[in-house]
């Protein structure tokens, strides 16, 4: 089990927030001091930059599901995400599999 560390992430508007992350394998990660004097890891990407890498995957899943022979009335895709200080946002996994859930719903009027 990896040790946990506190990391500072920022939004593009400059707002910062703290996240508990696995301790990175790289020792080249910058540390920053909080007003309390405690040092934390500094994420290399903003949250928005990290999520940009995931958007094409989520879009591809939703696009494929919308183009089914009998499209669902509702499509819900849940993706497990994990924030890391070096890679940004990655799909969370259990073992070697990516963790996501897809829910499709049809109402009676949409089924022909």
N, C-alpha and C. Protein backbone atom coordinates (compact mmCIF):
# COMPACT_ATOMS: atom_id res chain seq x y z
N UNK A 1 0.84 -1.17 0.00
CA UNK A 1 0.00 0.00 0.00
C UNK A 1 0.89 1.24 0.00
N UNK A 2 0.54 2.20 -0.87
CA UNK A 2 1.34 3.42 -0.96
C UNK A 2 0.99 4.36 0.18
N UNK A 3 2.00 5.14 0.57
CA UNK A 3 1.76 6.19 1.58
C UNK A 3 0.95 7.30 0.95
N UNK A 4 0.14 7.94 1.76
CA UNK A 4 -0.68 9.06 1.30
C UNK A 4 0.04 10.37 1.62
N UNK A 5 -0.13 11.34 0.74
CA UNK A 5 0.42 12.68 0.90
C UNK A 5 -0.69 13.68 0.60
N UNK A 6 -0.52 14.90 1.03
CA UNK A 6 -1.45 15.97 0.68
C UNK A 6 -0.84 16.74 -0.48
N UNK A 7 -1.66 17.00 -1.50
CA UNK A 7 -1.20 17.74 -2.67
C UNK A 7 -2.08 18.96 -2.89
N UNK A 8 -1.45 20.01 -3.38
CA UNK A 8 -2.18 21.23 -3.71
C UNK A 8 -2.44 21.25 -5.22
N UNK A 9 -3.72 21.34 -5.58
CA UNK A 9 -4.12 21.50 -6.97
C UNK A 9 -4.67 22.91 -7.11
N UNK A 10 -4.63 23.42 -8.32
CA UNK A 10 -5.18 24.75 -8.55
C UNK A 10 -6.19 24.69 -9.69
N UNK A 11 -7.09 25.64 -9.66
CA UNK A 11 -8.01 25.85 -10.76
C UNK A 11 -7.42 26.93 -11.64
N UNK A 12 -7.90 27.05 -12.87
CA UNK A 12 -7.34 28.05 -13.77
C UNK A 12 -7.56 29.47 -13.28
N UNK A 13 -8.56 29.68 -12.39
CA UNK A 13 -8.77 31.03 -11.86
C UNK A 13 -7.84 31.35 -10.70
N UNK A 14 -6.94 30.39 -10.36
CA UNK A 14 -5.97 30.60 -9.30
C UNK A 14 -6.36 30.02 -7.95
N UNK A 15 -7.61 29.61 -7.80
CA UNK A 15 -8.06 28.98 -6.56
C UNK A 15 -7.30 27.69 -6.35
N UNK A 16 -6.86 27.44 -5.12
CA UNK A 16 -6.16 26.19 -4.82
C UNK A 16 -6.99 25.36 -3.85
N UNK A 17 -6.81 24.05 -3.91
CA UNK A 17 -7.48 23.14 -3.00
C UNK A 17 -6.56 21.95 -2.73
N UNK A 18 -6.78 21.29 -1.62
CA UNK A 18 -5.93 20.18 -1.21
C UNK A 18 -6.62 18.85 -1.47
N UNK A 19 -5.82 17.86 -1.88
CA UNK A 19 -6.32 16.52 -2.19
C UNK A 19 -5.36 15.50 -1.59
N UNK A 20 -5.90 14.44 -1.03
CA UNK A 20 -5.05 13.34 -0.57
C UNK A 20 -4.72 12.46 -1.78
N UNK A 21 -3.45 12.23 -2.02
CA UNK A 21 -2.99 11.44 -3.16
C UNK A 21 -1.98 10.39 -2.69
N UNK A 22 -1.75 9.39 -3.54
CA UNK A 22 -0.68 8.44 -3.28
C UNK A 22 0.65 9.17 -3.44
N UNK A 23 1.61 8.82 -2.61
CA UNK A 23 2.92 9.43 -2.73
C UNK A 23 3.50 9.11 -4.10
N UNK A 24 3.95 10.13 -4.85
CA UNK A 24 4.45 9.88 -6.20
C UNK A 24 5.77 9.11 -6.17
N UNK A 25 6.01 8.36 -7.24
CA UNK A 25 7.26 7.61 -7.34
C UNK A 25 8.42 8.55 -7.68
N UNK A 26 8.12 9.63 -8.38
CA UNK A 26 9.14 10.59 -8.77
C UNK A 26 9.49 11.50 -7.59
N UNK A 27 10.75 11.76 -7.41
CA UNK A 27 11.18 12.66 -6.35
C UNK A 27 11.36 14.09 -6.88
N UNK A 28 11.03 14.30 -8.16
CA UNK A 28 11.20 15.61 -8.78
C UNK A 28 9.96 16.48 -8.60
N UNK A 29 9.05 16.09 -7.74
CA UNK A 29 7.83 16.85 -7.49
C UNK A 29 8.14 18.01 -6.55
N UNK A 30 7.65 19.17 -6.91
CA UNK A 30 7.87 20.38 -6.11
C UNK A 30 6.98 20.36 -4.88
N UNK A 31 7.49 20.88 -3.79
CA UNK A 31 6.71 21.04 -2.56
C UNK A 31 6.49 22.53 -2.32
N UNK A 32 5.33 22.86 -1.77
CA UNK A 32 5.01 24.25 -1.45
C UNK A 32 4.60 24.33 0.01
N UNK A 33 4.80 25.51 0.60
CA UNK A 33 4.44 25.71 2.00
C UNK A 33 3.06 26.35 2.09
N UNK A 34 2.25 25.81 2.97
CA UNK A 34 0.94 26.39 3.26
C UNK A 34 1.11 27.52 4.27
N UNK A 35 0.10 28.39 4.44
CA UNK A 35 0.21 29.45 5.45
C UNK A 35 0.50 28.90 6.85
N UNK A 36 0.10 27.65 7.11
CA UNK A 36 0.35 27.04 8.41
C UNK A 36 1.81 26.63 8.60
N UNK A 37 2.58 26.64 7.48
CA UNK A 37 3.97 26.21 7.55
C UNK A 37 4.16 24.77 7.09
N UNK A 38 3.09 24.02 7.02
CA UNK A 38 3.18 22.63 6.55
C UNK A 38 3.46 22.62 5.05
N UNK A 39 4.31 21.70 4.61
CA UNK A 39 4.60 21.59 3.18
C UNK A 39 3.75 20.49 2.57
N UNK A 40 3.33 20.73 1.34
CA UNK A 40 2.52 19.76 0.60
C UNK A 40 3.09 19.63 -0.81
N UNK A 41 2.72 18.57 -1.49
CA UNK A 41 3.13 18.38 -2.88
C UNK A 41 2.38 19.37 -3.76
N UNK A 42 3.00 19.83 -4.83
CA UNK A 42 2.33 20.74 -5.76
C UNK A 42 2.05 20.01 -7.06
N UNK A 43 0.77 19.97 -7.44
CA UNK A 43 0.39 19.32 -8.70
C UNK A 43 1.01 20.08 -9.86
N UNK A 44 1.43 19.34 -10.88
CA UNK A 44 2.09 19.95 -12.02
C UNK A 44 1.11 20.53 -13.03
N UNK A 45 -0.17 20.16 -12.94
CA UNK A 45 -1.19 20.65 -13.87
C UNK A 45 -2.35 21.22 -13.08
N UNK A 46 -3.06 22.17 -13.69
CA UNK A 46 -4.30 22.63 -13.07
C UNK A 46 -5.33 21.52 -13.21
N UNK A 47 -6.39 21.59 -12.44
CA UNK A 47 -7.44 20.57 -12.53
C UNK A 47 -8.02 20.55 -13.95
N UNK A 48 -8.24 21.72 -14.53
CA UNK A 48 -8.80 21.76 -15.88
C UNK A 48 -7.86 21.11 -16.90
N UNK A 49 -6.56 21.35 -16.77
CA UNK A 49 -5.59 20.72 -17.68
C UNK A 49 -5.59 19.21 -17.52
N UNK A 50 -5.68 18.75 -16.29
CA UNK A 50 -5.70 17.32 -16.03
C UNK A 50 -6.93 16.66 -16.63
N UNK A 51 -8.07 17.33 -16.54
CA UNK A 51 -9.32 16.75 -17.04
C UNK A 51 -9.40 16.78 -18.57
N UNK A 52 -8.64 17.67 -19.22
CA UNK A 52 -8.64 17.72 -20.69
C UNK A 52 -8.26 16.38 -21.30
N UNK A 53 -7.38 15.64 -20.65
CA UNK A 53 -6.96 14.34 -21.17
C UNK A 53 -8.06 13.30 -21.10
N UNK A 54 -9.02 13.49 -20.20
CA UNK A 54 -10.09 12.52 -20.01
C UNK A 54 -11.30 12.81 -20.89
N UNK A 55 -11.46 14.05 -21.30
CA UNK A 55 -12.63 14.45 -22.07
C UNK A 55 -12.83 13.65 -23.36
N UNK A 56 -11.79 13.40 -24.17
CA UNK A 56 -12.01 12.62 -25.39
C UNK A 56 -12.52 11.20 -25.13
N UNK A 57 -12.07 10.60 -24.03
CA UNK A 57 -12.52 9.24 -23.70
C UNK A 57 -14.00 9.26 -23.33
N UNK A 58 -14.38 10.20 -22.44
CA UNK A 58 -15.78 10.30 -22.04
C UNK A 58 -16.66 10.63 -23.24
N UNK A 59 -16.22 11.52 -24.10
CA UNK A 59 -16.99 11.88 -25.29
C UNK A 59 -17.17 10.69 -26.22
N UNK A 60 -16.12 9.89 -26.39
CA UNK A 60 -16.21 8.72 -27.26
C UNK A 60 -17.22 7.71 -26.72
N UNK A 61 -17.22 7.51 -25.40
CA UNK A 61 -18.17 6.57 -24.80
C UNK A 61 -19.60 7.05 -25.02
N UNK A 62 -19.87 8.32 -24.70
CA UNK A 62 -21.22 8.87 -24.84
C UNK A 62 -21.65 8.86 -26.31
N UNK A 63 -20.76 9.25 -27.22
CA UNK A 63 -21.07 9.28 -28.65
C UNK A 63 -21.46 7.89 -29.15
N UNK A 64 -20.71 6.89 -28.76
CA UNK A 64 -20.98 5.52 -29.19
C UNK A 64 -22.34 5.06 -28.67
N UNK A 65 -22.65 5.39 -27.42
CA UNK A 65 -23.91 4.96 -26.83
C UNK A 65 -25.10 5.69 -27.46
N UNK A 66 -24.92 6.92 -27.87
CA UNK A 66 -26.00 7.67 -28.54
C UNK A 66 -26.31 7.11 -29.91
N UNK A 67 -25.35 6.46 -30.54
CA UNK A 67 -25.52 5.95 -31.90
C UNK A 67 -25.94 4.49 -31.94
N UNK A 68 -26.52 3.99 -30.85
CA UNK A 68 -27.01 2.61 -30.83
C UNK A 68 -28.24 2.50 -31.74
N UNK A 69 -28.56 1.28 -32.20
CA UNK A 69 -29.74 1.06 -33.04
C UNK A 69 -31.01 1.57 -32.37
N UNK A 70 -31.14 1.35 -31.08
CA UNK A 70 -32.25 1.88 -30.29
C UNK A 70 -31.64 2.74 -29.19
N UNK A 71 -31.43 4.03 -29.49
CA UNK A 71 -30.78 4.89 -28.50
C UNK A 71 -31.57 4.95 -27.19
N UNK A 72 -30.86 4.98 -26.12
CA UNK A 72 -31.48 5.07 -24.80
C UNK A 72 -32.07 6.46 -24.61
N UNK A 73 -33.12 6.55 -23.79
CA UNK A 73 -33.71 7.85 -23.45
C UNK A 73 -32.75 8.64 -22.57
N UNK A 74 -32.02 7.93 -21.74
CA UNK A 74 -31.04 8.55 -20.85
C UNK A 74 -29.76 7.74 -20.87
N UNK A 75 -28.65 8.43 -20.85
CA UNK A 75 -27.34 7.77 -20.76
C UNK A 75 -26.60 8.38 -19.59
N UNK A 76 -26.13 7.54 -18.71
CA UNK A 76 -25.34 8.00 -17.57
C UNK A 76 -24.04 7.22 -17.55
N UNK A 77 -22.94 7.93 -17.57
CA UNK A 77 -21.62 7.30 -17.54
C UNK A 77 -20.92 7.78 -16.28
N UNK A 78 -20.50 6.83 -15.44
CA UNK A 78 -19.75 7.17 -14.23
C UNK A 78 -18.32 6.67 -14.42
N UNK A 79 -17.39 7.58 -14.31
CA UNK A 79 -15.98 7.24 -14.47
C UNK A 79 -15.27 7.42 -13.14
N UNK A 80 -14.52 6.42 -12.72
CA UNK A 80 -13.70 6.55 -11.52
C UNK A 80 -12.44 7.31 -11.88
N UNK A 81 -12.22 8.44 -11.24
CA UNK A 81 -11.04 9.25 -11.52
C UNK A 81 -10.15 9.33 -10.30
N UNK A 82 -8.87 9.45 -10.56
CA UNK A 82 -7.89 9.57 -9.50
C UNK A 82 -6.98 10.73 -9.85
N UNK A 83 -6.75 11.62 -8.91
CA UNK A 83 -5.83 12.73 -9.13
C UNK A 83 -4.44 12.33 -8.65
N UNK A 84 -3.44 12.64 -9.48
CA UNK A 84 -2.05 12.41 -9.08
C UNK A 84 -1.29 13.71 -9.31
N UNK A 85 -0.25 13.94 -8.54
CA UNK A 85 0.49 15.20 -8.67
C UNK A 85 1.32 15.26 -9.94
N UNK A 86 1.71 14.11 -10.48
CA UNK A 86 2.55 14.13 -11.67
C UNK A 86 1.76 13.90 -12.95
N UNK A 87 0.79 13.00 -12.96
CA UNK A 87 0.05 12.69 -14.19
C UNK A 87 -1.23 13.50 -14.31
N UNK A 88 -1.68 14.12 -13.26
CA UNK A 88 -2.95 14.86 -13.30
C UNK A 88 -4.10 13.95 -12.95
N UNK A 89 -5.09 13.85 -13.83
CA UNK A 89 -6.24 12.99 -13.59
C UNK A 89 -6.10 11.74 -14.45
N UNK A 90 -6.30 10.60 -13.83
CA UNK A 90 -6.25 9.32 -14.54
C UNK A 90 -7.49 8.54 -14.16
N UNK A 91 -7.84 7.58 -15.01
CA UNK A 91 -8.96 6.71 -14.67
C UNK A 91 -8.53 5.80 -13.53
N UNK A 92 -9.35 5.74 -12.51
CA UNK A 92 -9.04 4.89 -11.36
C UNK A 92 -9.21 3.43 -11.78
N UNK A 93 -8.43 2.58 -11.18
CA UNK A 93 -8.54 1.17 -11.52
C UNK A 93 -8.57 0.31 -10.28
N UNK A 94 -9.17 -0.84 -10.46
CA UNK A 94 -9.15 -1.88 -9.44
C UNK A 94 -8.44 -3.05 -10.10
N UNK A 95 -7.30 -3.43 -9.59
CA UNK A 95 -6.51 -4.45 -10.26
C UNK A 95 -5.98 -3.85 -11.55
N UNK A 96 -6.21 -4.52 -12.67
CA UNK A 96 -5.74 -3.99 -13.95
C UNK A 96 -6.88 -3.50 -14.82
N UNK A 97 -8.07 -3.35 -14.25
CA UNK A 97 -9.22 -2.92 -15.02
C UNK A 97 -9.61 -1.50 -14.68
N UNK A 98 -10.08 -0.76 -15.67
CA UNK A 98 -10.56 0.59 -15.44
C UNK A 98 -11.94 0.51 -14.81
N UNK A 99 -12.19 1.34 -13.84
CA UNK A 99 -13.44 1.33 -13.10
C UNK A 99 -14.40 2.38 -13.66
N UNK A 100 -15.44 1.93 -14.38
CA UNK A 100 -16.48 2.85 -14.82
C UNK A 100 -17.80 2.11 -14.88
N UNK A 101 -18.87 2.87 -14.88
CA UNK A 101 -20.20 2.30 -14.86
C UNK A 101 -21.04 3.04 -15.90
N UNK A 102 -21.80 2.30 -16.68
CA UNK A 102 -22.68 2.90 -17.68
C UNK A 102 -24.10 2.46 -17.39
N UNK A 103 -25.02 3.43 -17.30
CA UNK A 103 -26.44 3.14 -17.09
C UNK A 103 -27.20 3.64 -18.30
N UNK A 104 -27.99 2.78 -18.91
CA UNK A 104 -28.84 3.15 -20.04
C UNK A 104 -30.28 2.99 -19.61
N UNK A 105 -31.13 3.98 -19.96
CA UNK A 105 -32.54 3.91 -19.60
C UNK A 105 -33.38 4.19 -20.83
N UNK A 106 -34.42 3.40 -21.01
CA UNK A 106 -35.36 3.60 -22.10
C UNK A 106 -36.73 3.84 -21.48
N UNK A 107 -37.46 4.84 -22.01
CA UNK A 107 -38.85 4.95 -21.59
C UNK A 107 -39.69 4.27 -22.66
N UNK A 108 -40.92 3.91 -22.33
CA UNK A 108 -41.76 3.13 -23.23
C UNK A 108 -41.97 3.82 -24.57
N UNK A 109 -42.02 5.13 -24.62
CA UNK A 109 -42.27 5.86 -25.86
C UNK A 109 -41.08 5.79 -26.82
N UNK A 110 -39.88 5.58 -26.31
CA UNK A 110 -38.72 5.57 -27.20
C UNK A 110 -38.46 4.22 -27.81
N UNK A 111 -39.11 3.16 -27.34
CA UNK A 111 -38.90 1.80 -27.87
C UNK A 111 -39.95 1.56 -28.96
N UNK A 112 -39.50 1.20 -30.13
CA UNK A 112 -40.44 0.98 -31.26
C UNK A 112 -40.53 -0.47 -31.60
